[in-house]
Amino acid sequence: MIRAFLPIILLTISNIFMTFAWYGHLRFKGSALWIVILVSWGIAFFEYCFQVPANRIGHGVYSAAQLKTIQEVITLVVFSVFSVLYLKEEFKWNYLVGFLFIILAVFFIFKK
């Protein structure tokens, strides 16, 4: 049971780091690009420290396609929260519709 949830937990942590590495700098547009790149690489290191074990452990429970699907859903959830709370952007109705289509895709990916 823990083996099924551990990859999801690790992927969630990984995606939090990834989101900050890729998009956190948008609040610091006055910073030099080279500094932003170096800071992003530093944050991305921690992303990989969770992503690689998540995939290694998860592949014993899920197929690669299922792992990628889980990762994408987590990415969208983490990014949605991040964009609203950190970037102060509005969550629009059409985003929700798009996410519903992705959930439909998840259904088909996991269907036996």
C-alpha atoms as a PDB file:
ATOM      1  CA  MET A   1       0.000   0.000   0.000  1.00  0.00           C
ATOM      2  CA  ILE A   2       2.760   2.464   0.947  1.00  0.00           C
ATOM      3  CA  ARG A   3       4.567   1.474  -2.250  1.00  0.00           C
ATOM      4  CA  ALA A   4       1.626   2.797  -4.259  1.00  0.00           C
ATOM      5  CA  PHE A   5       1.478   6.128  -2.398  1.00  0.00           C
ATOM      6  CA  LEU A   6       5.184   6.839  -1.948  1.00  0.00           C
ATOM      7  CA  PRO A   7       5.751   7.711  -5.627  1.00  0.00           C
ATOM      8  CA  ILE A   8       2.773  10.076  -5.521  1.00  0.00           C
ATOM      9  CA  ILE A   9       4.140  11.808  -2.420  1.00  0.00           C
ATOM     10  CA  LEU A  10       7.616  12.084  -3.952  1.00  0.00           C
ATOM     11  CA  LEU A  11       6.191  13.352  -7.253  1.00  0.00           C
ATOM     12  CA  THR A  12       4.208  16.000  -5.398  1.00  0.00           C
ATOM     13  CA  ILE A  13       7.300  17.242  -3.560  1.00  0.00           C
ATOM     14  CA  SER A  14       9.252  17.145  -6.812  1.00  0.00           C
ATOM     15  CA  ASN A  15       6.610  19.181  -8.595  1.00  0.00           C
ATOM     16  CA  ILE A  16       6.590  21.846  -5.903  1.00  0.00           C
ATOM     17  CA  PHE A  17      10.327  22.329  -6.450  1.00  0.00           C
ATOM     18  CA  MET A  18       9.867  22.184 -10.233  1.00  0.00           C
ATOM     19  CA  THR A  19       7.162  24.827 -10.203  1.00  0.00           C
ATOM     20  CA  PHE A  20       9.296  27.207  -8.164  1.00  0.00           C
ATOM     21  CA  ALA A  21      12.321  26.511 -10.374  1.00  0.00           C
ATOM     22  CA  TRP A  22      10.415  27.162 -13.590  1.00  0.00           C
ATOM     23  CA  TYR A  23       8.000  29.907 -12.568  1.00  0.00           C
ATOM     24  CA  GLY A  24       9.055  31.351  -9.203  1.00  0.00           C
ATOM     25  CA  HIS A  25      11.310  33.895 -10.870  1.00  0.00           C
ATOM     26  CA  LEU A  26       8.321  35.577 -12.532  1.00  0.00           C
ATOM     27  CA  ARG A  27       7.909  37.670  -9.378  1.00  0.00           C
ATOM     28  CA  PHE A  28      11.512  38.886  -9.732  1.00  0.00           C
ATOM     29  CA  LYS A  29      11.563  40.270 -13.274  1.00  0.00           C
ATOM     30  CA  GLY A  30      14.118  42.878 -12.255  1.00  0.00           C
ATOM     31  CA  SER A  31      16.743  40.230 -11.458  1.00  0.00           C
ATOM     32  CA  ALA A  32      19.428  39.468 -14.003  1.00  0.00           C
ATOM     33  CA  LEU A  33      18.557  36.504 -16.202  1.00  0.00           C
ATOM     34  CA  TRP A  34      21.810  34.668 -15.460  1.00  0.00           C
ATOM     35  CA  ILE A  35      21.090  34.860 -11.712  1.00  0.00           C
ATOM     36  CA  VAL A  36      17.567  33.568 -12.242  1.00  0.00           C
ATOM     37  CA  ILE A  37      18.913  30.672 -14.327  1.00  0.00           C
ATOM     38  CA  LEU A  38      21.458  29.693 -11.666  1.00  0.00           C
ATOM     39  CA  VAL A  39      18.885  29.879  -8.876  1.00  0.00           C
ATOM     40  CA  SER A  40      16.442  27.837 -10.964  1.00  0.00           C
ATOM     41  CA  TRP A  41      19.094  25.168 -11.582  1.00  0.00           C
ATOM     42  CA  GLY A  42      19.776  25.032  -7.861  1.00  0.00           C
ATOM     43  CA  ILE A  43      16.100  24.517  -7.104  1.00  0.00           C
ATOM     44  CA  ALA A  44      15.787  21.962  -9.923  1.00  0.00           C
ATOM     45  CA  PHE A  45      18.489  19.850  -8.268  1.00  0.00           C
ATOM     46  CA  PHE A  46      16.078  19.173  -5.409  1.00  0.00           C
ATOM     47  CA  GLU A  47      13.322  18.430  -7.901  1.00  0.00           C
ATOM     48  CA  TYR A  48      15.450  15.637  -9.353  1.00  0.00           C
ATOM     49  CA  CYS A  49      16.296  14.328  -5.883  1.00  0.00           C
ATOM     50  CA  PHE A  50      12.602  13.486  -5.516  1.00  0.00           C
ATOM     51  CA  GLN A  51      11.624  12.839  -9.145  1.00  0.00           C
ATOM     52  CA  VAL A  52      14.159  10.115  -9.877  1.00  0.00           C
ATOM     53  CA  PRO A  53      13.359   8.004  -6.783  1.00  0.00           C
ATOM     54  CA  ALA A  54       9.634   8.529  -7.400  1.00  0.00           C
ATOM     55  CA  ASN A  55       9.945   7.072 -10.881  1.00  0.00           C
ATOM     56  CA  ARG A  56      12.290   4.298  -9.792  1.00  0.00           C
ATOM     57  CA  ILE A  57       9.996   3.201  -6.957  1.00  0.00           C
ATOM     58  CA  GLY A  58       6.823   3.921  -8.889  1.00  0.00           C
ATOM     59  CA  HIS A  59       7.779   1.835 -11.902  1.00  0.00           C
ATOM     60  CA  GLY A  60       7.480  -1.245  -9.731  1.00  0.00           C
ATOM     61  CA  VAL A  61       3.820  -0.376  -9.138  1.00  0.00           C
ATOM     62  CA  TYR A  62       2.751   1.636 -12.195  1.00  0.00           C
ATOM     63  CA  SER A  63       3.572   1.513 -15.897  1.00  0.00           C
ATOM     64  CA  ALA A  64       5.664   4.352 -17.318  1.00  0.00           C
ATOM     65  CA  ALA A  65       2.549   5.802 -18.986  1.00  0.00           C
ATOM     66  CA  GLN A  66       0.681   5.712 -15.688  1.00  0.00           C
ATOM     67  CA  LEU A  67       3.582   7.369 -13.859  1.00  0.00           C
ATOM     68  CA  LYS A  68       3.734  10.137 -16.448  1.00  0.00           C
ATOM     69  CA  THR A  69      -0.021  10.647 -16.200  1.00  0.00           C
ATOM     70  CA  ILE A  70       0.150  10.862 -12.399  1.00  0.00           C
ATOM     71  CA  GLN A  71       3.003  13.339 -12.692  1.00  0.00           C
ATOM     72  CA  GLU A  72       1.087  15.553 -15.133  1.00  0.00           C
ATOM     73  CA  VAL A  73      -2.023  15.645 -12.948  1.00  0.00           C
ATOM     74  CA  ILE A  74       0.094  16.538  -9.917  1.00  0.00           C
ATOM     75  CA  THR A  75       1.849  19.214 -11.972  1.00  0.00           C
ATOM     76  CA  LEU A  76      -1.456  20.809 -12.945  1.00  0.00           C
ATOM     77  CA  VAL A  77      -2.768  20.783  -9.381  1.00  0.00           C
ATOM     78  CA  VAL A  78       0.469  22.185  -7.929  1.00  0.00           C
ATOM     79  CA  PHE A  79       0.721  24.803 -10.683  1.00  0.00           C
ATOM     80  CA  SER A  80      -2.902  25.873 -10.240  1.00  0.00           C
ATOM     81  CA  VAL A  81      -2.396  26.468  -6.530  1.00  0.00           C
ATOM     82  CA  PHE A  82       0.957  28.160  -7.192  1.00  0.00           C
ATOM     83  CA  SER A  83      -0.401  30.511  -9.864  1.00  0.00           C
ATOM     84  CA  VAL A  84      -3.302  31.614  -7.677  1.00  0.00           C
ATOM     85  CA  LEU A  85      -1.464  31.918  -4.343  1.00  0.00           C
ATOM     86  CA  TYR A  86       2.070  32.886  -5.392  1.00  0.00           C
ATOM     87  CA  LEU A  87       1.616  34.663  -8.729  1.00  0.00           C
ATOM     88  CA  LYS A  88      -1.804  36.087  -7.750  1.00  0.00           C
ATOM     89  CA  GLU A  89      -3.349  35.040 -11.069  1.00  0.00           C
ATOM     90  CA  GLU A  90      -7.004  34.289 -11.566  1.00  0.00           C
ATOM     91  CA  PHE A  91      -8.164  30.692 -12.004  1.00  0.00           C
ATOM     92  CA  LYS A  92     -10.564  30.805 -14.977  1.00  0.00           C
ATOM     93  CA  TRP A  93     -13.476  28.544 -15.846  1.00  0.00           C
ATOM     94  CA  ASN A  94     -11.842  27.333 -19.066  1.00  0.00           C
ATOM     95  CA  TYR A  95      -8.870  26.035 -17.055  1.00  0.00           C
ATOM     96  CA  LEU A  96     -11.289  23.880 -15.094  1.00  0.00           C
ATOM     97  CA  VAL A  97     -12.851  22.544 -18.311  1.00  0.00           C
ATOM     98  CA  GLY A  98      -9.402  21.675 -19.633  1.00  0.00           C
ATOM     99  CA  PHE A  99      -8.553  19.893 -16.398  1.00  0.00           C
ATOM    100  CA  LEU A 100     -11.765  17.886 -16.648  1.00  0.00           C
ATOM    101  CA  PHE A 101     -10.652  16.641 -20.059  1.00  0.00           C
ATOM    102  CA  ILE A 102      -7.316  15.662 -18.550  1.00  0.00           C
ATOM    103  CA  ILE A 103      -9.144  13.727 -15.830  1.00  0.00           C
ATOM    104  CA  LEU A 104     -10.996  11.929 -18.617  1.00  0.00           C
ATOM    105  CA  ALA A 105      -7.609  11.041 -20.123  1.00  0.00           C
ATOM    106  CA  VAL A 106      -6.492   9.706 -16.732  1.00  0.00           C
ATOM    107  CA  PHE A 107      -9.538   7.459 -16.690  1.00  0.00           C
ATOM    108  CA  PHE A 108      -8.542   5.897 -20.007  1.00  0.00           C
ATOM    109  CA  ILE A 109      -4.838   5.594 -19.099  1.00  0.00           C
ATOM    110  CA  PHE A 110      -5.692   3.609 -15.940  1.00  0.00           C
ATOM    111  CA  LYS A 111      -8.552   1.575 -17.431  1.00  0.00           C
ATOM    112  CA  LYS A 112      -7.657  -2.119 -17.531  1.00  0.00           C
END
